[in-house]
Amino acid sequence: MGTEEQQTNRPVADPVIKQYREQISDNDVKILEALNKRIKLVQKLKQYKESQGLGFVDPRQEDWVLTYLSRSNQGPLSQEALREIYGSILEVVKREVARIEGEDEA
């Protein structure tokens, strides 16, 4: 393993490492906030579509989202990784919306 931190599980005193970790943690919180906002927006969209007699899942829209993001991706995230991550996000968001609506009905 090699580093003192990995061998002893003590925090590293290196200020550069600490700064990077803080930036990563801040970014992780932003990702989490964005995911929660996406779930809320998708839930509202689903409710609206249902009130209009429309189906919730639209594979063409999901394909459009993936294509749009692929074109917007400047890297270093690979296109394959982008599709994997957003495919997972789309599935998790649908599942979470269904879970929330199930809780609301209970």
C-alpha atoms as a PDB file:
ATOM      1  CA  MET A   1       0.000   0.000   0.000  1.00  0.00           C
ATOM      2  CA  GLY A   2       2.841   2.355   0.643  1.00  0.00           C
ATOM      3  CA  THR A   3       1.597   5.585   2.202  1.00  0.00           C
ATOM      4  CA  GLU A   4       1.535   6.341   5.887  1.00  0.00           C
ATOM      5  CA  GLU A   5      -2.170   7.118   5.704  1.00  0.00           C
ATOM      6  CA  GLN A   6      -3.030   3.739   4.167  1.00  0.00           C
ATOM      7  CA  GLN A   7      -0.881   1.900   6.691  1.00  0.00           C
ATOM      8  CA  THR A   8      -2.081   3.663   9.853  1.00  0.00           C
ATOM      9  CA  ASN A   9      -5.521   5.049   8.908  1.00  0.00           C
ATOM     10  CA  ARG A  10      -4.473   8.401  10.380  1.00  0.00           C
ATOM     11  CA  PRO A  11      -5.393  11.607   8.579  1.00  0.00           C
ATOM     12  CA  VAL A  12      -2.703  13.096   6.410  1.00  0.00           C
ATOM     13  CA  ALA A  13      -1.324  16.442   7.571  1.00  0.00           C
ATOM     14  CA  ASP A  14      -0.441  17.421   3.998  1.00  0.00           C
ATOM     15  CA  PRO A  15      -2.379  20.645   3.285  1.00  0.00           C
ATOM     16  CA  VAL A  16      -2.506  19.960  -0.465  1.00  0.00           C
ATOM     17  CA  ILE A  17      -4.205  16.604   0.088  1.00  0.00           C
ATOM     18  CA  LYS A  18      -6.592  18.216   2.556  1.00  0.00           C
ATOM     19  CA  GLN A  19      -7.471  20.945   0.063  1.00  0.00           C
ATOM     20  CA  TYR A  20      -8.143  18.454  -2.740  1.00  0.00           C
ATOM     21  CA  ARG A  21     -10.288  16.348  -0.443  1.00  0.00           C
ATOM     22  CA  GLU A  22     -12.312  19.387   0.599  1.00  0.00           C
ATOM     23  CA  GLN A  23     -12.855  20.333  -3.040  1.00  0.00           C
ATOM     24  CA  ILE A  24     -13.900  16.772  -3.875  1.00  0.00           C
ATOM     25  CA  SER A  25     -16.302  16.710  -0.922  1.00  0.00           C
ATOM     26  CA  ASP A  26     -17.792  20.050  -1.983  1.00  0.00           C
ATOM     27  CA  ASN A  27     -18.264  18.682  -5.486  1.00  0.00           C
ATOM     28  CA  ASP A  28     -19.870  15.506  -4.125  1.00  0.00           C
ATOM     29  CA  VAL A  29     -22.421  17.611  -2.239  1.00  0.00           C
ATOM     30  CA  LYS A  30     -23.240  19.493  -5.460  1.00  0.00           C
ATOM     31  CA  ILE A  31     -23.737  16.180  -7.281  1.00  0.00           C
ATOM     32  CA  LEU A  32     -26.034  14.970  -4.498  1.00  0.00           C
ATOM     33  CA  GLU A  33     -28.035  18.207  -4.590  1.00  0.00           C
ATOM     34  CA  ALA A  34     -28.373  17.941  -8.375  1.00  0.00           C
ATOM     35  CA  LEU A  35     -29.579  14.337  -8.131  1.00  0.00           C
ATOM     36  CA  ASN A  36     -32.177  15.218  -5.506  1.00  0.00           C
ATOM     37  CA  LYS A  37     -33.358  18.161  -7.610  1.00  0.00           C
ATOM     38  CA  ARG A  38     -33.605  15.879 -10.659  1.00  0.00           C
ATOM     39  CA  ILE A  39     -35.764  13.418  -8.709  1.00  0.00           C
ATOM     40  CA  LYS A  40     -38.132  16.209  -7.649  1.00  0.00           C
ATOM     41  CA  LEU A  41     -38.392  17.559 -11.200  1.00  0.00           C
ATOM     42  CA  VAL A  42     -39.007  14.120 -12.680  1.00  0.00           C
ATOM     43  CA  GLN A  43     -41.695  13.483 -10.069  1.00  0.00           C
ATOM     44  CA  LYS A  44     -43.458  16.715 -11.085  1.00  0.00           C
ATOM     45  CA  LEU A  45     -43.115  15.801 -14.764  1.00  0.00           C
ATOM     46  CA  LYS A  46     -44.580  12.346 -14.120  1.00  0.00           C
ATOM     47  CA  GLN A  47     -47.544  13.805 -12.248  1.00  0.00           C
ATOM     48  CA  TYR A  48     -48.197  16.274 -15.061  1.00  0.00           C
ATOM     49  CA  LYS A  49     -47.885  13.656 -17.796  1.00  0.00           C
ATOM     50  CA  GLU A  50     -50.284  11.363 -15.942  1.00  0.00           C
ATOM     51  CA  SER A  51     -52.786  14.217 -15.548  1.00  0.00           C
ATOM     52  CA  GLN A  52     -52.631  14.648 -19.333  1.00  0.00           C
ATOM     53  CA  GLY A  53     -53.112  10.921 -19.967  1.00  0.00           C
ATOM     54  CA  LEU A  54     -49.540  10.453 -21.154  1.00  0.00           C
ATOM     55  CA  GLY A  55     -47.177   7.625 -20.306  1.00  0.00           C
ATOM     56  CA  PHE A  56     -44.330   8.378 -17.944  1.00  0.00           C
ATOM     57  CA  VAL A  57     -41.365   6.635 -19.563  1.00  0.00           C
ATOM     58  CA  ASP A  58     -40.259   8.012 -22.924  1.00  0.00           C
ATOM     59  CA  PRO A  59     -37.329   6.023 -24.351  1.00  0.00           C
ATOM     60  CA  ARG A  60     -36.838   8.608 -27.126  1.00  0.00           C
ATOM     61  CA  GLN A  61     -36.374  11.354 -24.542  1.00  0.00           C
ATOM     62  CA  GLU A  62     -33.918   9.210 -22.608  1.00  0.00           C
ATOM     63  CA  ASP A  63     -31.962   8.604 -25.820  1.00  0.00           C
ATOM     64  CA  TRP A  64     -32.034  12.344 -26.522  1.00  0.00           C
ATOM     65  CA  VAL A  65     -30.667  13.094 -23.028  1.00  0.00           C
ATOM     66  CA  LEU A  66     -27.791  10.646 -23.524  1.00  0.00           C
ATOM     67  CA  THR A  67     -27.009  12.033 -26.984  1.00  0.00           C
ATOM     68  CA  TYR A  68     -27.190  15.636 -25.755  1.00  0.00           C
ATOM     69  CA  LEU A  69     -24.886  14.908 -22.845  1.00  0.00           C
ATOM     70  CA  SER A  70     -22.489  12.978 -25.064  1.00  0.00           C
ATOM     71  CA  ARG A  71     -22.216  15.989 -27.363  1.00  0.00           C
ATOM     72  CA  SER A  72     -21.762  18.321 -24.381  1.00  0.00           C
ATOM     73  CA  ASN A  73     -19.100  16.162 -22.737  1.00  0.00           C
ATOM     74  CA  GLN A  74     -15.696  17.830 -22.859  1.00  0.00           C
ATOM     75  CA  GLY A  75     -13.983  15.018 -20.926  1.00  0.00           C
ATOM     76  CA  PRO A  76     -12.005  13.622 -19.275  1.00  0.00           C
ATOM     77  CA  LEU A  77     -15.074  11.404 -18.699  1.00  0.00           C
ATOM     78  CA  SER A  78     -15.257   8.906 -21.558  1.00  0.00           C
ATOM     79  CA  GLN A  79     -18.409   8.581 -23.639  1.00  0.00           C
ATOM     80  CA  GLU A  80     -18.786   5.005 -22.422  1.00  0.00           C
ATOM     81  CA  ALA A  81     -18.568   6.059 -18.778  1.00  0.00           C
ATOM     82  CA  LEU A  82     -20.983   8.936 -19.395  1.00  0.00           C
ATOM     83  CA  ARG A  83     -23.581   6.558 -20.868  1.00  0.00           C
ATOM     84  CA  GLU A  84     -23.056   4.112 -18.009  1.00  0.00           C
ATOM     85  CA  ILE A  85     -23.446   6.785 -15.326  1.00  0.00           C
ATOM     86  CA  TYR A  86     -26.473   8.454 -16.895  1.00  0.00           C
ATOM     87  CA  GLY A  87     -28.109   5.146 -17.718  1.00  0.00           C
ATOM     88  CA  SER A  88     -27.839   4.365 -14.011  1.00  0.00           C
ATOM     89  CA  ILE A  89     -29.093   7.807 -13.037  1.00  0.00           C
ATOM     90  CA  LEU A  90     -32.149   7.458 -15.269  1.00  0.00           C
ATOM     91  CA  GLU A  91     -32.994   4.067 -13.750  1.00  0.00           C
ATOM     92  CA  VAL A  92     -32.409   5.182 -10.154  1.00  0.00           C
ATOM     93  CA  VAL A  93     -34.470   8.350 -10.620  1.00  0.00           C
ATOM     94  CA  LYS A  94     -37.427   6.366 -12.002  1.00  0.00           C
ATOM     95  CA  ARG A  95     -37.157   3.920  -9.101  1.00  0.00           C
ATOM     96  CA  GLU A  96     -36.944   6.729  -6.523  1.00  0.00           C
ATOM     97  CA  VAL A  97     -39.958   8.527  -8.000  1.00  0.00           C
ATOM     98  CA  ALA A  98     -41.958   5.289  -7.787  1.00  0.00           C
ATOM     99  CA  ARG A  99     -40.793   4.808  -4.177  1.00  0.00           C
ATOM    100  CA  ILE A 100     -41.766   8.346  -3.181  1.00  0.00           C
ATOM    101  CA  GLU A 101     -45.162   8.054  -4.810  1.00  0.00           C
ATOM    102  CA  GLY A 102     -45.695   4.720  -3.054  1.00  0.00           C
ATOM    103  CA  GLU A 103     -44.938   6.388   0.273  1.00  0.00           C
ATOM    104  CA  ASP A 104     -47.306   9.266  -0.547  1.00  0.00           C
ATOM    105  CA  GLU A 105     -50.122   6.795  -1.204  1.00  0.00           C
ATOM    106  CA  ALA A 106     -49.578   4.909   2.054  1.00  0.00           C
END
